[in-house]
Structures are given as C-alpha cells and as structure tokens.
Amino acid sequence: MSREMEQRGVSTYAQEALRLEYEKRKKEKQVDSRQQKEELKERKRELKVQKAKAKHRGK
C-alpha cells in the first residue's frame, strides 16, 4: 500500500491545489523580495553619488 502511495505522489486534489497555491505564493514572494533588494541597492547608490557630489561642491 505505501509503495503505491509513493508512486502516485500527491494523494488528493485538495492537497495538490494547496501545493500549487503555495508554490505560486512562493514565486510571487521571491519576485517581490528581489525587486525590493534592487530598489534598496539603487537608493543606496544614489545616496552615495549625492554624498560624493556634496564633498566636491565646496572646492
């Protein structure tokens, strides 16, 4: 019996639906996370450039 369950994989349609929903949310979360990291990186870069310009402005 257990060997049949292993070969079959997911046991019910409900479990399959939950798994698909979980995977979908996981992908969306990864995309959002990546986007936030890129925005933070860009913001830090802009601040660095502004700081450098401010240092040279007085000379």
C-alpha atoms as a PDB file:
ATOM      1  CA  MET A   1       0.000   0.000   0.000  1.00  0.00           C
ATOM      2  CA  SER A   2       2.686   2.518   0.927  1.00  0.00           C
ATOM      3  CA  ARG A   3       4.619   1.711  -2.233  1.00  0.00           C
ATOM      4  CA  GLU A   4       1.545   2.617  -4.301  1.00  0.00           C
ATOM      5  CA  MET A   5       1.206   5.946  -2.485  1.00  0.00           C
ATOM      6  CA  GLU A   6       4.847   6.811  -3.182  1.00  0.00           C
ATOM      7  CA  GLN A   7       4.463   6.154  -6.885  1.00  0.00           C
ATOM      8  CA  ARG A   8       1.213   8.061  -7.098  1.00  0.00           C
ATOM      9  CA  GLY A   9       2.591  11.180  -5.391  1.00  0.00           C
ATOM     10  CA  VAL A  10       0.002  13.599  -4.027  1.00  0.00           C
ATOM     11  CA  SER A  11      -2.946  11.769  -2.535  1.00  0.00           C
ATOM     12  CA  THR A  12      -5.836  14.205  -3.079  1.00  0.00           C
ATOM     13  CA  TYR A  13      -6.931  17.033  -5.324  1.00  0.00           C
ATOM     14  CA  ALA A  14      -7.151  19.338  -2.312  1.00  0.00           C
ATOM     15  CA  GLN A  15      -3.526  18.690  -1.387  1.00  0.00           C
ATOM     16  CA  GLU A  16      -2.493  19.306  -4.989  1.00  0.00           C
ATOM     17  CA  ALA A  17      -4.399  22.604  -5.012  1.00  0.00           C
ATOM     18  CA  LEU A  18      -2.758  23.682  -1.749  1.00  0.00           C
ATOM     19  CA  ARG A  19       0.665  22.780  -3.078  1.00  0.00           C
ATOM     20  CA  LEU A  20       0.115  24.764  -6.276  1.00  0.00           C
ATOM     21  CA  GLU A  21      -1.130  27.762  -4.307  1.00  0.00           C
ATOM     22  CA  TYR A  22       1.897  27.548  -2.013  1.00  0.00           C
ATOM     23  CA  GLU A  23       4.276  27.416  -4.978  1.00  0.00           C
ATOM     24  CA  LYS A  24       2.546  30.386  -6.598  1.00  0.00           C
ATOM     25  CA  ARG A  25       2.827  32.483  -3.420  1.00  0.00           C
ATOM     26  CA  LYS A  26       6.454  31.433  -3.028  1.00  0.00           C
ATOM     27  CA  LYS A  27       7.300  32.649  -6.560  1.00  0.00           C
ATOM     28  CA  GLU A  28       5.471  35.953  -6.001  1.00  0.00           C
ATOM     29  CA  LYS A  29       7.311  36.462  -2.722  1.00  0.00           C
ATOM     30  CA  GLN A  30      10.656  35.800  -4.407  1.00  0.00           C
ATOM     31  CA  VAL A  31       9.879  38.344  -7.142  1.00  0.00           C
ATOM     32  CA  ASP A  32       8.807  40.978  -4.598  1.00  0.00           C
ATOM     33  CA  SER A  33      11.865  40.317  -2.463  1.00  0.00           C
ATOM     34  CA  ARG A  34      14.193  40.621  -5.433  1.00  0.00           C
ATOM     35  CA  GLN A  35      12.522  43.858  -6.518  1.00  0.00           C
ATOM     36  CA  GLN A  36      12.853  45.361  -3.025  1.00  0.00           C
ATOM     37  CA  LYS A  37      16.546  44.445  -2.921  1.00  0.00           C
ATOM     38  CA  GLU A  38      17.128  46.130  -6.272  1.00  0.00           C
ATOM     39  CA  GLU A  39      15.296  49.284  -5.141  1.00  0.00           C
ATOM     40  CA  LEU A  40      17.320  49.419  -1.932  1.00  0.00           C
ATOM     41  CA  LYS A  41      20.553  48.948  -3.874  1.00  0.00           C
ATOM     42  CA  GLU A  42      19.617  51.764  -6.255  1.00  0.00           C
ATOM     43  CA  ARG A  43      18.662  54.076  -3.369  1.00  0.00           C
ATOM     44  CA  LYS A  44      21.990  53.415  -1.624  1.00  0.00           C
ATOM     45  CA  ARG A  45      23.842  54.118  -4.862  1.00  0.00           C
ATOM     46  CA  GLU A  46      22.005  57.427  -5.327  1.00  0.00           C
ATOM     47  CA  LEU A  47      22.855  58.486  -1.768  1.00  0.00           C
ATOM     48  CA  LYS A  48      26.496  57.614  -2.361  1.00  0.00           C
ATOM     49  CA  VAL A  49      26.588  59.702  -5.539  1.00  0.00           C
ATOM     50  CA  GLN A  50      24.909  62.653  -3.794  1.00  0.00           C
ATOM     51  CA  LYS A  51      27.387  62.449  -0.936  1.00  0.00           C
ATOM     52  CA  ALA A  52      30.328  62.428  -3.331  1.00  0.00           C
ATOM     53  CA  LYS A  53      28.959  65.459  -5.194  1.00  0.00           C
ATOM     54  CA  ALA A  54      28.401  67.315  -1.918  1.00  0.00           C
ATOM     55  CA  LYS A  55      32.030  66.723  -0.914  1.00  0.00           C
ATOM     56  CA  HIS A  56      33.334  68.256  -4.130  1.00  0.00           C
ATOM     57  CA  ARG A  57      30.889  71.126  -4.221  1.00  0.00           C
ATOM     58  CA  GLY A  58      32.815  73.305  -1.738  1.00  0.00           C
ATOM     59  CA  LYS A  59      36.151  73.136  -3.543  1.00  0.00           C
END
